[in-house]
Amino acid sequence: MHEAQGTAFVVEMLSTGLHDALAAALLRHVEARRTDDLVHAGDLMAVLDAKPGAAGGISADTLAYMLRCFFAASRQRMAFEMLTILTLAQNRLTANARSLLVDSLSRRAA
C-alpha cells in the first residue's frame, strides 16, 4: 500500500466510533504530518527535476540536508502513527499486533 494511502487508511479506521478530544487531536496531527511529508517530497522532486546549473539550483550539501530531514521526518511520522494506533485501537488490536507495534517502536528508539 502506498504510504499516503496507508496514512489515510489509518485515519479512516481509527476515527470510526471515536469522538473524544484526544482522538481528534491525534488524528489531526497524523494528517498534518502526512501533509508535511507530501510538501517536502514535492520540494525534493522539484530539486531533482531541475537541470544541472539551472538558476535556483542547490548544492550537493543542501540536497543531502534536505534528504536527511525528509527521511527523519518520515520516520517520526511513522512512529507517531504507531503510537496513535496503540492509543486509539488498543481494544481492537490482537496481542500479536500490539506486540509488533511495541517491538517496532522499541527498535526505533534504540
N, C-alpha and C. Protein backbone atom coordinates (compact mmCIF):
# COMPACT_ATOMS: atom_id res chain seq x y z
N MET A 1 0.85 -1.18 0.00
CA MET A 1 0.00 0.00 0.00
C MET A 1 0.90 1.24 0.00
N HIS A 2 0.60 2.21 -0.85
CA HIS A 2 1.35 3.45 -0.92
C HIS A 2 1.27 4.17 0.42
N GLU A 3 2.34 4.85 0.81
CA GLU A 3 2.43 5.47 2.13
C GLU A 3 1.29 6.44 2.40
N ALA A 4 0.96 7.31 1.45
CA ALA A 4 -0.13 8.28 1.66
C ALA A 4 -1.46 7.57 1.82
N GLN A 5 -1.68 6.51 1.04
CA GLN A 5 -2.91 5.74 1.18
C GLN A 5 -2.95 5.05 2.53
N GLY A 6 -1.79 4.58 2.99
CA GLY A 6 -1.72 3.91 4.29
C GLY A 6 -2.10 4.85 5.41
N THR A 7 -1.61 6.08 5.36
CA THR A 7 -1.95 7.06 6.39
C THR A 7 -3.44 7.39 6.34
N ALA A 8 -3.98 7.58 5.16
CA ALA A 8 -5.41 7.87 5.02
C ALA A 8 -6.23 6.71 5.58
N PHE A 9 -5.78 5.49 5.33
CA PHE A 9 -6.47 4.30 5.85
C PHE A 9 -6.44 4.29 7.37
N VAL A 10 -5.29 4.60 7.95
CA VAL A 10 -5.16 4.64 9.41
C VAL A 10 -6.13 5.65 9.99
N VAL A 11 -6.16 6.84 9.42
CA VAL A 11 -7.05 7.89 9.93
C VAL A 11 -8.50 7.46 9.81
N GLU A 12 -8.88 6.89 8.68
CA GLU A 12 -10.27 6.45 8.48
C GLU A 12 -10.66 5.35 9.47
N MET A 13 -9.79 4.36 9.62
CA MET A 13 -10.10 3.24 10.51
C MET A 13 -10.16 3.68 11.97
N LEU A 14 -9.27 4.57 12.38
CA LEU A 14 -9.22 4.96 13.78
C LEU A 14 -10.28 5.97 14.15
N SER A 15 -10.79 6.71 13.18
CA SER A 15 -11.80 7.72 13.50
C SER A 15 -13.20 7.11 13.66
N THR A 16 -13.36 5.87 13.25
CA THR A 16 -14.66 5.21 13.35
C THR A 16 -15.03 5.00 14.80
N GLY A 17 -16.12 5.61 15.21
CA GLY A 17 -16.64 5.41 16.55
C GLY A 17 -15.93 6.17 17.65
N LEU A 18 -14.93 6.98 17.30
CA LEU A 18 -14.21 7.75 18.31
C LEU A 18 -14.59 9.22 18.19
N HIS A 19 -15.01 9.78 19.29
CA HIS A 19 -15.47 11.16 19.23
C HIS A 19 -14.92 11.99 20.38
N ASP A 20 -13.78 11.58 20.95
CA ASP A 20 -13.24 12.36 22.05
C ASP A 20 -12.16 13.32 21.56
N ALA A 21 -11.78 14.24 22.42
CA ALA A 21 -10.82 15.28 22.05
C ALA A 21 -9.44 14.70 21.75
N LEU A 22 -9.02 13.69 22.51
CA LEU A 22 -7.72 13.08 22.27
C LEU A 22 -7.67 12.44 20.89
N ALA A 23 -8.68 11.67 20.54
CA ALA A 23 -8.71 11.01 19.23
C ALA A 23 -8.66 12.06 18.12
N ALA A 24 -9.44 13.11 18.26
CA ALA A 24 -9.46 14.15 17.23
C ALA A 24 -8.09 14.81 17.09
N ALA A 25 -7.46 15.12 18.22
CA ALA A 25 -6.15 15.77 18.19
C ALA A 25 -5.09 14.86 17.56
N LEU A 26 -5.09 13.59 17.94
CA LEU A 26 -4.12 12.65 17.38
C LEU A 26 -4.30 12.50 15.87
N LEU A 27 -5.53 12.38 15.43
CA LEU A 27 -5.78 12.19 14.00
C LEU A 27 -5.47 13.45 13.20
N ARG A 28 -5.73 14.62 13.78
CA ARG A 28 -5.33 15.88 13.11
C ARG A 28 -3.81 15.94 12.97
N HIS A 29 -3.12 15.51 14.01
CA HIS A 29 -1.66 15.52 13.97
C HIS A 29 -1.13 14.54 12.91
N VAL A 30 -1.72 13.36 12.82
CA VAL A 30 -1.31 12.39 11.80
C VAL A 30 -1.51 12.99 10.41
N GLU A 31 -2.65 13.62 10.18
CA GLU A 31 -2.93 14.24 8.88
C GLU A 31 -1.96 15.38 8.59
N ALA A 32 -1.65 16.19 9.59
CA ALA A 32 -0.74 17.32 9.40
C ALA A 32 0.66 16.83 9.04
N ARG A 33 1.12 15.77 9.70
CA ARG A 33 2.46 15.23 9.40
C ARG A 33 2.48 14.64 8.00
N ARG A 34 1.38 14.02 7.59
CA ARG A 34 1.29 13.47 6.23
C ARG A 34 1.38 14.59 5.20
N THR A 35 0.69 15.67 5.45
CA THR A 35 0.74 16.83 4.55
C THR A 35 2.16 17.40 4.49
N ASP A 36 2.81 17.51 5.64
CA ASP A 36 4.19 17.99 5.67
C ASP A 36 5.08 17.11 4.80
N ASP A 37 4.95 15.79 4.94
CA ASP A 37 5.77 14.87 4.15
C ASP A 37 5.51 15.05 2.65
N LEU A 38 4.27 15.26 2.27
CA LEU A 38 3.96 15.45 0.86
C LEU A 38 4.57 16.74 0.32
N VAL A 39 4.55 17.80 1.11
CA VAL A 39 5.15 19.07 0.69
C VAL A 39 6.66 18.91 0.54
N HIS A 40 7.29 18.26 1.52
CA HIS A 40 8.74 18.07 1.45
C HIS A 40 9.13 17.16 0.28
N ALA A 41 8.32 16.15 0.02
CA ALA A 41 8.59 15.29 -1.14
C ALA A 41 8.49 16.09 -2.43
N GLY A 42 7.51 16.98 -2.51
CA GLY A 42 7.37 17.84 -3.69
C GLY A 42 8.58 18.75 -3.86
N ASP A 43 9.08 19.29 -2.76
CA ASP A 43 10.29 20.12 -2.82
C ASP A 43 11.48 19.33 -3.36
N LEU A 44 11.64 18.11 -2.86
CA LEU A 44 12.73 17.26 -3.33
C LEU A 44 12.58 16.92 -4.81
N MET A 45 11.37 16.63 -5.23
CA MET A 45 11.14 16.32 -6.65
C MET A 45 11.48 17.50 -7.53
N ALA A 46 11.13 18.70 -7.08
CA ALA A 46 11.43 19.91 -7.86
C ALA A 46 12.95 20.09 -8.00
N VAL A 47 13.68 19.85 -6.93
CA VAL A 47 15.13 19.98 -6.98
C VAL A 47 15.73 18.90 -7.89
N LEU A 48 15.25 17.68 -7.77
CA LEU A 48 15.80 16.60 -8.57
C LEU A 48 15.43 16.72 -10.05
N ASP A 49 14.32 17.37 -10.35
CA ASP A 49 13.90 17.57 -11.75
C ASP A 49 14.59 18.74 -12.41
N ALA A 50 15.21 19.62 -11.61
CA ALA A 50 15.87 20.81 -12.17
C ALA A 50 17.10 20.39 -12.98
N LYS A 51 17.33 21.13 -14.03
CA LYS A 51 18.50 20.86 -14.87
C LYS A 51 19.76 21.31 -14.13
N PRO A 52 20.84 20.56 -14.25
CA PRO A 52 22.09 20.95 -13.59
C PRO A 52 22.51 22.36 -14.02
N GLY A 53 22.92 23.18 -13.06
CA GLY A 53 23.37 24.53 -13.34
C GLY A 53 22.25 25.53 -13.57
N ALA A 54 20.99 25.08 -13.47
CA ALA A 54 19.86 25.99 -13.68
C ALA A 54 19.80 27.00 -12.54
N ALA A 55 19.20 28.15 -12.83
CA ALA A 55 19.02 29.17 -11.79
C ALA A 55 18.20 28.57 -10.65
N GLY A 56 18.61 28.84 -9.44
CA GLY A 56 17.89 28.30 -8.29
C GLY A 56 18.33 26.91 -7.92
N GLY A 57 19.37 26.39 -8.60
CA GLY A 57 19.88 25.07 -8.25
C GLY A 57 20.49 25.10 -6.86
N ILE A 58 20.65 23.94 -6.27
CA ILE A 58 21.19 23.87 -4.92
C ILE A 58 22.44 23.01 -4.91
N SER A 59 23.22 23.16 -3.87
CA SER A 59 24.45 22.39 -3.75
C SER A 59 24.15 20.96 -3.31
N ALA A 60 25.14 20.12 -3.48
CA ALA A 60 25.00 18.72 -3.05
C ALA A 60 24.79 18.66 -1.54
N ASP A 61 25.47 19.54 -0.79
CA ASP A 61 25.29 19.56 0.67
C ASP A 61 23.86 19.92 1.05
N THR A 62 23.29 20.87 0.34
CA THR A 62 21.91 21.26 0.63
C THR A 62 20.95 20.14 0.31
N LEU A 63 21.17 19.47 -0.82
CA LEU A 63 20.32 18.33 -1.18
C LEU A 63 20.45 17.22 -0.14
N ALA A 64 21.67 16.95 0.31
CA ALA A 64 21.87 15.92 1.33
C ALA A 64 21.12 16.28 2.61
N TYR A 65 21.18 17.55 2.98
CA TYR A 65 20.46 18.01 4.17
C TYR A 65 18.96 17.83 4.01
N MET A 66 18.44 18.20 2.83
CA MET A 66 17.01 18.04 2.56
C MET A 66 16.60 16.57 2.66
N LEU A 67 17.41 15.69 2.10
CA LEU A 67 17.09 14.26 2.15
C LEU A 67 17.12 13.73 3.59
N ARG A 68 18.13 14.12 4.36
CA ARG A 68 18.19 13.68 5.77
C ARG A 68 16.95 14.14 6.53
N CYS A 69 16.59 15.41 6.34
CA CYS A 69 15.42 15.95 7.04
C CYS A 69 14.13 15.24 6.61
N PHE A 70 14.00 14.98 5.32
CA PHE A 70 12.81 14.30 4.81
C PHE A 70 12.68 12.92 5.44
N PHE A 71 13.76 12.14 5.42
CA PHE A 71 13.68 10.78 5.96
C PHE A 71 13.52 10.77 7.47
N ALA A 72 14.16 11.71 8.17
CA ALA A 72 13.98 11.79 9.62
C ALA A 72 12.52 12.11 9.96
N ALA A 73 11.94 13.07 9.23
CA ALA A 73 10.53 13.43 9.48
C ALA A 73 9.61 12.26 9.15
N SER A 74 9.92 11.52 8.09
CA SER A 74 9.09 10.35 7.73
C SER A 74 9.14 9.30 8.82
N ARG A 75 10.33 9.05 9.36
CA ARG A 75 10.44 8.07 10.45
C ARG A 75 9.67 8.54 11.68
N GLN A 76 9.73 9.84 11.99
CA GLN A 76 8.99 10.37 13.13
C GLN A 76 7.49 10.25 12.91
N ARG A 77 7.04 10.51 11.69
CA ARG A 77 5.61 10.39 11.38
C ARG A 77 5.14 8.95 11.56
N MET A 78 5.94 8.01 11.07
CA MET A 78 5.55 6.60 11.20
C MET A 78 5.50 6.18 12.66
N ALA A 79 6.45 6.64 13.47
CA ALA A 79 6.43 6.32 14.90
C ALA A 79 5.20 6.93 15.56
N PHE A 80 4.86 8.16 15.19
CA PHE A 80 3.68 8.79 15.78
C PHE A 80 2.41 8.05 15.36
N GLU A 81 2.36 7.59 14.12
CA GLU A 81 1.20 6.81 13.66
C GLU A 81 1.08 5.51 14.47
N MET A 82 2.21 4.87 14.74
CA MET A 82 2.16 3.64 15.54
C MET A 82 1.65 3.94 16.95
N LEU A 83 2.12 5.02 17.55
CA LEU A 83 1.64 5.42 18.87
C LEU A 83 0.15 5.74 18.85
N THR A 84 -0.28 6.38 17.78
CA THR A 84 -1.70 6.70 17.63
C THR A 84 -2.53 5.43 17.53
N ILE A 85 -2.06 4.47 16.75
CA ILE A 85 -2.77 3.19 16.63
C ILE A 85 -2.84 2.49 17.98
N LEU A 86 -1.71 2.45 18.68
CA LEU A 86 -1.69 1.81 20.00
C LEU A 86 -2.65 2.50 20.97
N THR A 87 -2.75 3.81 20.88
CA THR A 87 -3.61 4.58 21.78
C THR A 87 -5.09 4.42 21.43
N LEU A 88 -5.42 4.58 20.16
CA LEU A 88 -6.83 4.63 19.77
C LEU A 88 -7.43 3.26 19.46
N ALA A 89 -6.60 2.30 19.14
CA ALA A 89 -7.14 0.98 18.76
C ALA A 89 -6.72 -0.09 19.77
N GLN A 90 -6.36 0.32 20.95
CA GLN A 90 -5.84 -0.65 21.92
C GLN A 90 -6.79 -1.81 22.17
N ASN A 91 -8.08 -1.58 22.17
CA ASN A 91 -9.04 -2.66 22.42
C ASN A 91 -9.35 -3.48 21.17
N ARG A 92 -8.94 -2.98 20.01
CA ARG A 92 -9.22 -3.69 18.76
C ARG A 92 -8.03 -4.46 18.24
N LEU A 93 -6.84 -4.27 18.83
CA LEU A 93 -5.64 -4.96 18.37
C LEU A 93 -5.52 -6.33 19.01
N THR A 94 -5.03 -7.27 18.24
CA THR A 94 -4.71 -8.57 18.81
C THR A 94 -3.43 -8.41 19.63
N ALA A 95 -3.15 -9.38 20.46
CA ALA A 95 -1.92 -9.35 21.26
C ALA A 95 -0.69 -9.34 20.34
N ASN A 96 -0.75 -10.09 19.25
CA ASN A 96 0.37 -10.12 18.30
C ASN A 96 0.55 -8.78 17.62
N ALA A 97 -0.53 -8.14 17.20
CA ALA A 97 -0.43 -6.83 16.54
C ALA A 97 0.15 -5.80 17.50
N ARG A 98 -0.33 -5.81 18.72
CA ARG A 98 0.18 -4.88 19.74
C ARG A 98 1.68 -5.12 19.96
N SER A 99 2.06 -6.37 20.06
CA SER A 99 3.46 -6.73 20.28
C SER A 99 4.34 -6.26 19.12
N LEU A 100 3.87 -6.44 17.89
CA LEU A 100 4.63 -5.99 16.72
C LEU A 100 4.85 -4.48 16.74
N LEU A 101 3.80 -3.74 17.08
CA LEU A 101 3.93 -2.28 17.13
C LEU A 101 4.88 -1.84 18.24
N VAL A 102 4.74 -2.43 19.41
CA VAL A 102 5.62 -2.07 20.53
C VAL A 102 7.07 -2.44 20.21
N ASP A 103 7.29 -3.61 19.64
CA ASP A 103 8.65 -4.03 19.27
C ASP A 103 9.25 -3.08 18.24
N SER A 104 8.47 -2.68 17.26
CA SER A 104 8.95 -1.76 16.24
C SER A 104 9.32 -0.41 16.84
N LEU A 105 8.47 0.09 17.72
CA LEU A 105 8.78 1.35 18.40
C LEU A 105 10.03 1.24 19.26
N SER A 106 10.18 0.12 19.92
CA SER A 106 11.35 -0.09 20.77
C SER A 106 12.64 -0.11 19.93
N ARG A 107 12.58 -0.78 18.78
CA ARG A 107 13.77 -0.81 17.90
C ARG A 107 14.10 0.58 17.38
N ARG A 108 13.09 1.37 17.04
CA ARG A 108 13.33 2.72 16.53
C ARG A 108 13.95 3.62 17.58
N ALA A 109 13.59 3.38 18.83
CA ALA A 109 14.08 4.24 19.92
C ALA A 109 15.48 3.83 20.39
N ALA A 110 15.92 2.65 19.98
CA ALA A 110 17.23 2.16 20.45
C ALA A 110 18.38 2.88 19.76
